[in-house]
C-alpha atoms as a PDB file:
ATOM      1  CA  MET A   1    -107.670  68.926   2.511  1.00  0.00           C
ATOM      2  CA  GLN A   2    -106.728  69.964  -0.788  1.00  0.00           C
ATOM      3  CA  VAL A   3    -103.434  70.292  -2.634  1.00  0.00           C
ATOM      4  CA  LEU A   4    -102.171  74.407  -2.984  1.00  0.00           C
ATOM      5  CA  ASN A   5    -101.926  75.968  -6.115  1.00  0.00           C
ATOM      6  CA  PRO A   6     -99.315  78.718  -6.428  1.00  0.00           C
ATOM      7  CA  PHE A   7    -101.970  81.387  -6.254  1.00  0.00           C
ATOM      8  CA  ALA A   8    -102.681  80.572  -2.799  1.00  0.00           C
ATOM      9  CA  TYR A   9     -98.700  80.518  -1.603  1.00  0.00           C
ATOM     10  CA  ASP A  10     -98.853  84.021  -0.884  1.00  0.00           C
ATOM     11  CA  GLN A  11    -101.539  83.116   1.765  1.00  0.00           C
ATOM     12  CA  ALA A  12     -99.856  80.312   3.159  1.00  0.00           C
ATOM     13  CA  ASP A  13     -96.741  82.652   3.174  1.00  0.00           C
ATOM     14  CA  LYS A  14     -98.555  85.383   5.718  1.00  0.00           C
ATOM     15  CA  LEU A  15     -99.915  82.094   7.641  1.00  0.00           C
ATOM     16  CA  LEU A  16     -95.797  80.883   8.358  1.00  0.00           C
ATOM     17  CA  LYS A  17     -94.717  84.194   8.656  1.00  0.00           C
ATOM     18  CA  LYS A  18     -97.355  84.177  11.537  1.00  0.00           C
ATOM     19  CA  LEU A  19     -95.994  81.429  13.254  1.00  0.00           C
ATOM     20  CA  ASP A  20     -92.511  82.298  12.655  1.00  0.00           C
ATOM     21  CA  LEU A  21     -92.015  79.541  10.115  1.00  0.00           C
ATOM     22  CA  PRO A  22     -90.016  79.564   6.974  1.00  0.00           C
ATOM     23  CA  VAL A  23     -91.918  80.294   3.753  1.00  0.00           C
ATOM     24  CA  ILE A  24     -92.453  78.227   1.311  1.00  0.00           C
ATOM     25  CA  ASP A  25     -89.180  77.301  -1.064  1.00  0.00           C
ATOM     26  CA  ARG A  26     -91.111  77.767  -4.829  1.00  0.00           C
ATOM     27  CA  SER A  27     -87.738  76.211  -6.102  1.00  0.00           C
ATOM     28  CA  GLN A  28     -87.426  73.365  -4.572  1.00  0.00           C
ATOM     29  CA  GLU A  29     -88.882  70.184  -7.124  1.00  0.00           C
ATOM     30  CA  GLY A  30     -90.682  67.781  -5.792  1.00  0.00           C
ATOM     31  CA  SER A  31     -92.484  69.709  -3.117  1.00  0.00           C
ATOM     32  CA  ARG A  32     -95.970  69.385  -2.281  1.00  0.00           C
ATOM     33  CA  TYR A  33     -98.348  71.518  -0.122  1.00  0.00           C
ATOM     34  CA  TRP A  34    -101.875  70.689   1.363  1.00  0.00           C
ATOM     35  CA  GLY A  35    -104.136  72.853   3.337  1.00  0.00           C
ATOM     36  CA  GLU A  36    -107.310  73.428   4.813  1.00  0.00           C
ATOM     37  CA  TRP A  37    -109.531  76.045   4.087  1.00  0.00           C
ATOM     38  CA  GLN A  38    -112.206  78.144   6.375  1.00  0.00           C
ATOM     39  CA  GLY A  39    -114.069  79.900   3.345  1.00  0.00           C
ATOM     40  CA  SER A  40    -111.547  81.413   1.642  1.00  0.00           C
ATOM     41  CA  GLN A  41    -108.895  81.792   5.036  1.00  0.00           C
ATOM     42  CA  LEU A  42    -106.165  79.273   4.751  1.00  0.00           C
ATOM     43  CA  ILE A  43    -106.339  77.703   8.293  1.00  0.00           C
ATOM     44  CA  GLY A  44    -103.742  75.077   8.110  1.00  0.00           C
ATOM     45  CA  LEU A  45    -101.095  73.960   6.088  1.00  0.00           C
ATOM     46  CA  VAL A  46     -98.584  70.963   5.807  1.00  0.00           C
ATOM     47  CA  GLY A  47     -96.004  70.079   3.009  1.00  0.00           C
ATOM     48  CA  LEU A  48     -94.180  67.147   1.661  1.00  0.00           C
ATOM     49  CA  GLU A  49     -90.474  67.188  -0.183  1.00  0.00           C
ATOM     50  CA  VAL A  50     -90.033  64.113  -1.512  1.00  0.00           C
ATOM     51  CA  TYR A  51     -86.363  62.587  -2.195  1.00  0.00           C
ATOM     52  CA  GLY A  52     -86.615  59.040  -4.023  1.00  0.00           C
ATOM     53  CA  HIS A  53     -87.563  56.961  -1.578  1.00  0.00           C
ATOM     54  CA  LEU A  54     -87.620  59.635   1.538  1.00  0.00           C
ATOM     55  CA  GLY A  55     -89.709  62.720   2.362  1.00  0.00           C
ATOM     56  CA  LEU A  56     -89.165  66.012   4.220  1.00  0.00           C
ATOM     57  CA  LEU A  57     -91.999  67.264   6.203  1.00  0.00           C
ATOM     58  CA  ARG A  58     -92.202  71.145   5.637  1.00  0.00           C
ATOM     59  CA  SER A  59     -94.250  73.463   7.309  1.00  0.00           C
ATOM     60  CA  LEU A  60     -97.208  71.860   9.843  1.00  0.00           C
ATOM     61  CA  ALA A  61     -98.570  75.484  10.666  1.00  0.00           C
ATOM     62  CA  VAL A  62    -102.319  76.275  12.081  1.00  0.00           C
ATOM     63  CA  ASP A  63    -103.895  79.205  12.795  1.00  0.00           C
ATOM     64  CA  PRO A  64    -103.021  80.218  16.278  1.00  0.00           C
ATOM     65  CA  ALA A  65    -106.598  80.412  16.728  1.00  0.00           C
ATOM     66  CA  ARG A  66    -107.630  77.116  15.574  1.00  0.00           C
ATOM     67  CA  GLN A  67    -104.581  75.614  17.551  1.00  0.00           C
ATOM     68  CA  GLY A  68    -106.086  72.991  19.534  1.00  0.00           C
ATOM     69  CA  THR A  69    -108.964  71.544  17.382  1.00  0.00           C
ATOM     70  CA  GLY A  70    -107.096  68.906  15.868  1.00  0.00           C
ATOM     71  CA  LEU A  71    -106.188  70.425  13.084  1.00  0.00           C
ATOM     72  CA  GLY A  72    -102.729  69.699  13.194  1.00  0.00           C
ATOM     73  CA  LYS A  73    -102.955  66.221  13.995  1.00  0.00           C
ATOM     74  CA  GLN A  74    -105.265  66.136  10.758  1.00  0.00           C
ATOM     75  CA  LEU A  75    -102.734  67.488   9.024  1.00  0.00           C
ATOM     76  CA  LEU A  76     -99.871  65.408   9.825  1.00  0.00           C
ATOM     77  CA  ASN A  77    -102.173  62.296   9.217  1.00  0.00           C
ATOM     78  CA  HIS A  78    -102.702  63.341   5.718  1.00  0.00           C
ATOM     79  CA  ILE A  79     -98.640  63.590   5.582  1.00  0.00           C
ATOM     80  CA  LEU A  80     -98.185  60.116   7.180  1.00  0.00           C
ATOM     81  CA  ALA A  81    -100.791  58.315   4.892  1.00  0.00           C
ATOM     82  CA  GLN A  82     -99.155  60.252   1.741  1.00  0.00           C
ATOM     83  CA  ALA A  83     -95.714  58.714   2.648  1.00  0.00           C
ATOM     84  CA  LYS A  84     -97.357  55.340   2.867  1.00  0.00           C
ATOM     85  CA  ASP A  85     -99.077  55.759  -0.313  1.00  0.00           C
ATOM     86  CA  LEU A  86     -95.583  56.688  -2.069  1.00  0.00           C
ATOM     87  CA  GLU A  87     -93.980  54.146  -0.221  1.00  0.00           C
ATOM     88  CA  LEU A  88     -91.519  56.240   1.790  1.00  0.00           C
ATOM     89  CA  GLU A  89     -88.732  54.070   4.386  1.00  0.00           C
ATOM     90  CA  ALA A  90     -88.964  57.738   6.221  1.00  0.00           C
ATOM     91  CA  ILE A  91     -90.014  60.680   7.346  1.00  0.00           C
ATOM     92  CA  TYR A  92     -87.407  63.214   8.319  1.00  0.00           C
ATOM     93  CA  LEU A  93     -88.152  67.164   9.827  1.00  0.00           C
ATOM     94  CA  LEU A  94     -86.456  70.171  11.754  1.00  0.00           C
ATOM     95  CA  THR A  95     -88.338  72.037  14.855  1.00  0.00           C
ATOM     96  CA  THR A  96     -86.875  74.497  17.441  1.00  0.00           C
ATOM     97  CA  THR A  97     -90.369  74.126  18.715  1.00  0.00           C
ATOM     98  CA  ALA A  98     -92.482  70.931  18.426  1.00  0.00           C
ATOM     99  CA  ARG A  99     -90.049  68.269  19.424  1.00  0.00           C
ATOM    100  CA  ASP A 100     -92.510  66.580  22.069  1.00  0.00           C
ATOM    101  CA  TYR A 101     -95.528  67.350  19.545  1.00  0.00           C
ATOM    102  CA  PHE A 102     -93.853  64.535  17.063  1.00  0.00           C
ATOM    103  CA  ILE A 103     -93.095  62.817  19.343  1.00  0.00           C
ATOM    104  CA  ARG A 104     -96.827  61.341  20.052  1.00  0.00           C
ATOM    105  CA  PHE A 105     -96.862  60.768  16.402  1.00  0.00           C
ATOM    106  CA  GLY A 106     -93.898  58.302  16.797  1.00  0.00           C
ATOM    107  CA  PHE A 107     -91.275  60.472  15.485  1.00  0.00           C
ATOM    108  CA  ALA A 108     -88.004  60.153  17.092  1.00  0.00           C
ATOM    109  CA  GLU A 109     -85.153  62.929  17.561  1.00  0.00           C
ATOM    110  CA  ILE A 110     -82.455  61.696  16.055  1.00  0.00           C
ATOM    111  CA  GLU A 111     -78.207  63.310  15.118  1.00  0.00           C
ATOM    112  CA  ARG A 112     -77.674  65.269  12.277  1.00  0.00           C
ATOM    113  CA  HIS A 113     -75.007  63.356  10.975  1.00  0.00           C
ATOM    114  CA  LEU A 114     -77.469  60.236  10.316  1.00  0.00           C
ATOM    115  CA  VAL A 115     -79.785  62.190   8.035  1.00  0.00           C
ATOM    116  CA  PRO A 116     -79.368  60.811   4.378  1.00  0.00           C
ATOM    117  CA  THR A 117     -77.663  62.824   1.777  1.00  0.00           C
ATOM    118  CA  GLU A 118     -80.385  63.746  -0.055  1.00  0.00           C
ATOM    119  CA  ILE A 119     -82.215  65.091   2.888  1.00  0.00           C
ATOM    120  CA  ARG A 120     -78.847  66.950   4.188  1.00  0.00           C
ATOM    121  CA  ALA A 121     -78.794  68.533   0.897  1.00  0.00           C
ATOM    122  CA  SER A 122     -82.472  70.066   1.149  1.00  0.00           C
ATOM    123  CA  SER A 123     -82.601  74.160   1.490  1.00  0.00           C
ATOM    124  CA  GLU A 124     -84.295  73.252   4.793  1.00  0.00           C
ATOM    125  CA  PHE A 125     -81.677  71.261   5.871  1.00  0.00           C
ATOM    126  CA  HIS A 126     -78.379  73.583   4.610  1.00  0.00           C
ATOM    127  CA  SER A 127     -79.979  77.128   5.276  1.00  0.00           C
ATOM    128  CA  VAL A 128     -83.439  77.817   6.094  1.00  0.00           C
ATOM    129  CA  CYS A 129     -83.939  76.149   9.364  1.00  0.00           C
ATOM    130  CA  PRO A 130     -80.807  76.793  12.150  1.00  0.00           C
ATOM    131  CA  SER A 131     -77.895  74.202  12.779  1.00  0.00           C
ATOM    132  CA  SER A 132     -79.888  74.007  16.306  1.00  0.00           C
ATOM    133  CA  ALA A 133     -82.883  72.724  15.217  1.00  0.00           C
ATOM    134  CA  THR A 134     -83.932  68.764  16.470  1.00  0.00           C
ATOM    135  CA  VAL A 135     -84.201  66.387  14.032  1.00  0.00           C
ATOM    136  CA  MET A 136     -86.532  63.797  13.504  1.00  0.00           C
ATOM    137  CA  VAL A 137     -87.492  60.979  11.722  1.00  0.00           C
ATOM    138  CA  TRP A 138     -90.570  58.653  11.229  1.00  0.00           C
ATOM    139  CA  ARG A 139     -90.258  55.209   9.868  1.00  0.00           C
ATOM    140  CA  GLY A 140     -93.646  54.080   8.639  1.00  0.00           C
END
């Protein structure tokens, strides 16, 4: 797993668009993205935005040709390990399609109004994802 450098963001955006996910918000401070590569091809990525003692999972994405191989689990476990290393109290996420997937890893669905202000102020929360997205939380 490698930290994505800014030169890889175009390839990341291409993968995200292929999966109908929001592209990387390059203006968002406190965000880091990690990728998995096969040769020079980005085959998976995941992001984490940090807001004090809280995190927001961004863009868990696996190339369609690699789905079902365990790569998504590997990427998600990487983020959960990062959360523990950073001593984050919780990680939040928004999803329109993967609710059941995240439940398998200990995320729980919560009401939108219960999300802390720091996370609600993120671009992901207030403008990128639709208000119909499922909100979930993981507490390590």
